[in-house]
Amino acid sequence: IFTLPLAEDSIKNTVDVSDSLNARYCMSNIAQAIKEVYGEGQGSKRTLDIDSDKQIRVSVSDSYISCSVKLKSNSNKQIKESFKSNLKKTSITLNEGKNAIIVEWPVGSENMLIYKK
């Protein structure tokens, strides 16, 4: 009687962990590219190929990126990666599957850019 609900909860928890890890991996890769471009200064650019299991809306500011992962319990888990940059506040959406993300600091520009290719 109790095994089916326990198995169902276990599967939900496993999916939640997998979704959270995928989102954290995406955020970590983007944050690393931002740190590298900021560190190298004007004229630097990074192109990232990110494979996402789900659509993720990424909020961008000058000091962090974040996203929210919907859990099976209908609650949300916030994932945040911090860094130093001169990005302006924006957002990008990672689609399910392959995404090409560009992080660059154009020569002569005060601000870095982040966008989808």
Protein backbone atom coordinates (compact mmCIF):
# COMPACT_ATOMS: atom_id res chain seq x y z
CA ILE A 1 0.00 0.00 0.00
CA PHE A 2 2.78 2.44 0.89
CA THR A 3 5.32 1.50 -1.77
CA LEU A 4 3.63 3.21 -4.72
CA PRO A 5 3.39 6.66 -3.08
CA LEU A 6 6.97 6.33 -1.84
CA ALA A 7 8.18 5.36 -5.31
CA GLU A 8 6.26 8.27 -6.85
CA ASP A 9 7.81 10.72 -4.36
CA SER A 10 11.25 9.28 -5.06
CA ILE A 11 10.80 9.77 -8.81
CA LYS A 12 9.58 13.36 -8.31
CA ASN A 13 12.58 14.13 -6.09
CA THR A 14 14.97 12.63 -8.65
CA VAL A 15 13.46 14.75 -11.44
CA ASP A 16 13.66 17.88 -9.25
CA VAL A 17 17.35 17.23 -8.53
CA SER A 18 18.06 16.60 -12.22
CA ASP A 19 16.26 19.81 -13.30
CA SER A 20 18.05 21.85 -10.62
CA LEU A 21 21.46 20.46 -11.56
CA ASN A 22 20.86 21.17 -15.26
CA ALA A 23 19.87 24.77 -14.51
CA ARG A 24 22.86 25.25 -12.16
CA TYR A 25 25.20 23.86 -14.86
CA CYS A 26 23.79 26.34 -17.41
CA MET A 27 24.08 29.26 -14.96
CA SER A 28 27.63 28.28 -14.00
CA ASN A 29 28.78 28.16 -17.63
CA ILE A 30 27.26 31.54 -18.41
CA ALA A 31 28.72 33.09 -15.24
CA GLN A 32 32.17 31.74 -16.10
CA ALA A 33 32.01 33.32 -19.57
CA ILE A 34 30.95 36.64 -18.03
CA LYS A 35 33.87 36.52 -15.57
CA GLU A 36 36.33 35.78 -18.38
CA VAL A 37 35.07 38.58 -20.65
CA TYR A 38 35.05 41.07 -17.78
CA GLY A 39 38.56 40.03 -16.77
CA GLU A 40 39.93 40.37 -20.30
CA GLY A 41 38.32 43.77 -20.92
CA GLN A 42 37.14 45.54 -24.05
CA GLY A 43 37.36 43.58 -27.27
CA SER A 44 36.84 40.19 -25.61
CA LYS A 45 34.07 37.78 -26.54
CA ARG A 46 32.88 34.28 -25.59
CA THR A 47 30.41 32.10 -27.44
CA LEU A 48 28.77 29.37 -25.39
CA ASP A 49 26.88 26.35 -26.67
CA ILE A 50 24.45 25.44 -23.92
CA ASP A 51 22.21 22.40 -24.02
CA SER A 52 19.22 22.84 -21.72
CA ASP A 53 16.75 20.13 -20.71
CA LYS A 54 13.97 22.71 -20.31
CA GLN A 55 13.19 26.29 -21.20
CA ILE A 56 14.85 28.58 -18.65
CA ARG A 57 14.43 32.34 -18.29
CA VAL A 58 17.72 33.81 -17.09
CA SER A 59 17.67 37.18 -15.31
CA VAL A 60 20.90 39.14 -15.79
CA SER A 61 22.29 42.01 -13.70
CA ASP A 62 25.73 43.54 -13.23
CA SER A 63 26.53 41.24 -10.28
CA TYR A 64 24.61 37.99 -10.81
CA ILE A 65 22.47 35.83 -13.05
CA SER A 66 19.54 33.85 -11.72
CA CYS A 67 16.74 31.58 -12.77
CA SER A 68 13.81 29.85 -11.16
CA VAL A 69 13.23 26.10 -11.49
CA LYS A 70 9.68 24.84 -10.96
CA LEU A 71 9.67 21.75 -8.75
CA LYS A 72 7.15 18.91 -8.81
CA SER A 73 5.71 20.23 -5.53
CA ASN A 74 4.73 23.40 -7.49
CA SER A 75 7.27 25.42 -5.52
CA ASN A 76 10.20 27.20 -7.15
CA LYS A 77 13.92 26.89 -6.51
CA GLN A 78 16.03 29.98 -7.18
CA ILE A 79 19.47 29.40 -8.66
CA LYS A 80 21.93 32.29 -8.58
CA GLU A 81 25.54 32.74 -9.74
CA SER A 82 27.45 35.86 -8.67
CA PHE A 83 30.23 37.75 -10.47
CA LYS A 84 31.58 41.24 -11.20
CA SER A 85 30.67 42.80 -14.54
CA ASN A 86 29.29 45.89 -16.22
CA LEU A 87 26.30 44.19 -17.82
CA LYS A 88 23.03 46.08 -17.92
CA LYS A 89 19.95 44.46 -16.43
CA THR A 90 18.28 42.20 -18.98
CA SER A 91 17.03 38.66 -19.46
CA ILE A 92 17.58 35.86 -21.95
CA THR A 93 15.58 32.71 -22.48
CA LEU A 94 17.32 29.39 -22.94
CA ASN A 95 15.13 27.16 -25.07
CA GLU A 96 14.93 23.42 -24.57
CA GLY A 97 17.82 21.94 -26.55
CA LYS A 98 20.80 23.78 -28.02
CA ASN A 99 21.38 27.49 -27.37
CA ALA A 100 24.20 29.73 -28.55
CA ILE A 101 24.89 32.51 -26.03
CA ILE A 102 27.27 35.39 -26.77
CA VAL A 103 28.99 37.36 -24.01
CA GLU A 104 31.09 40.25 -25.30
CA TRP A 105 32.56 43.59 -24.38
CA PRO A 106 32.78 45.61 -27.59
CA VAL A 107 35.75 47.94 -28.07
CA GLY A 108 34.82 51.49 -27.11
CA SER A 109 31.75 50.41 -25.13
CA GLU A 110 31.19 51.05 -21.42
CA ASN A 111 29.07 47.93 -21.06
CA MET A 112 29.31 44.26 -21.82
CA LEU A 113 26.54 42.52 -23.78
CA ILE A 114 24.89 39.14 -23.41
CA TYR A 115 22.51 37.77 -26.01
CA LYS A 116 21.38 34.70 -27.92
CA LYS A 117 22.82 34.07 -31.35
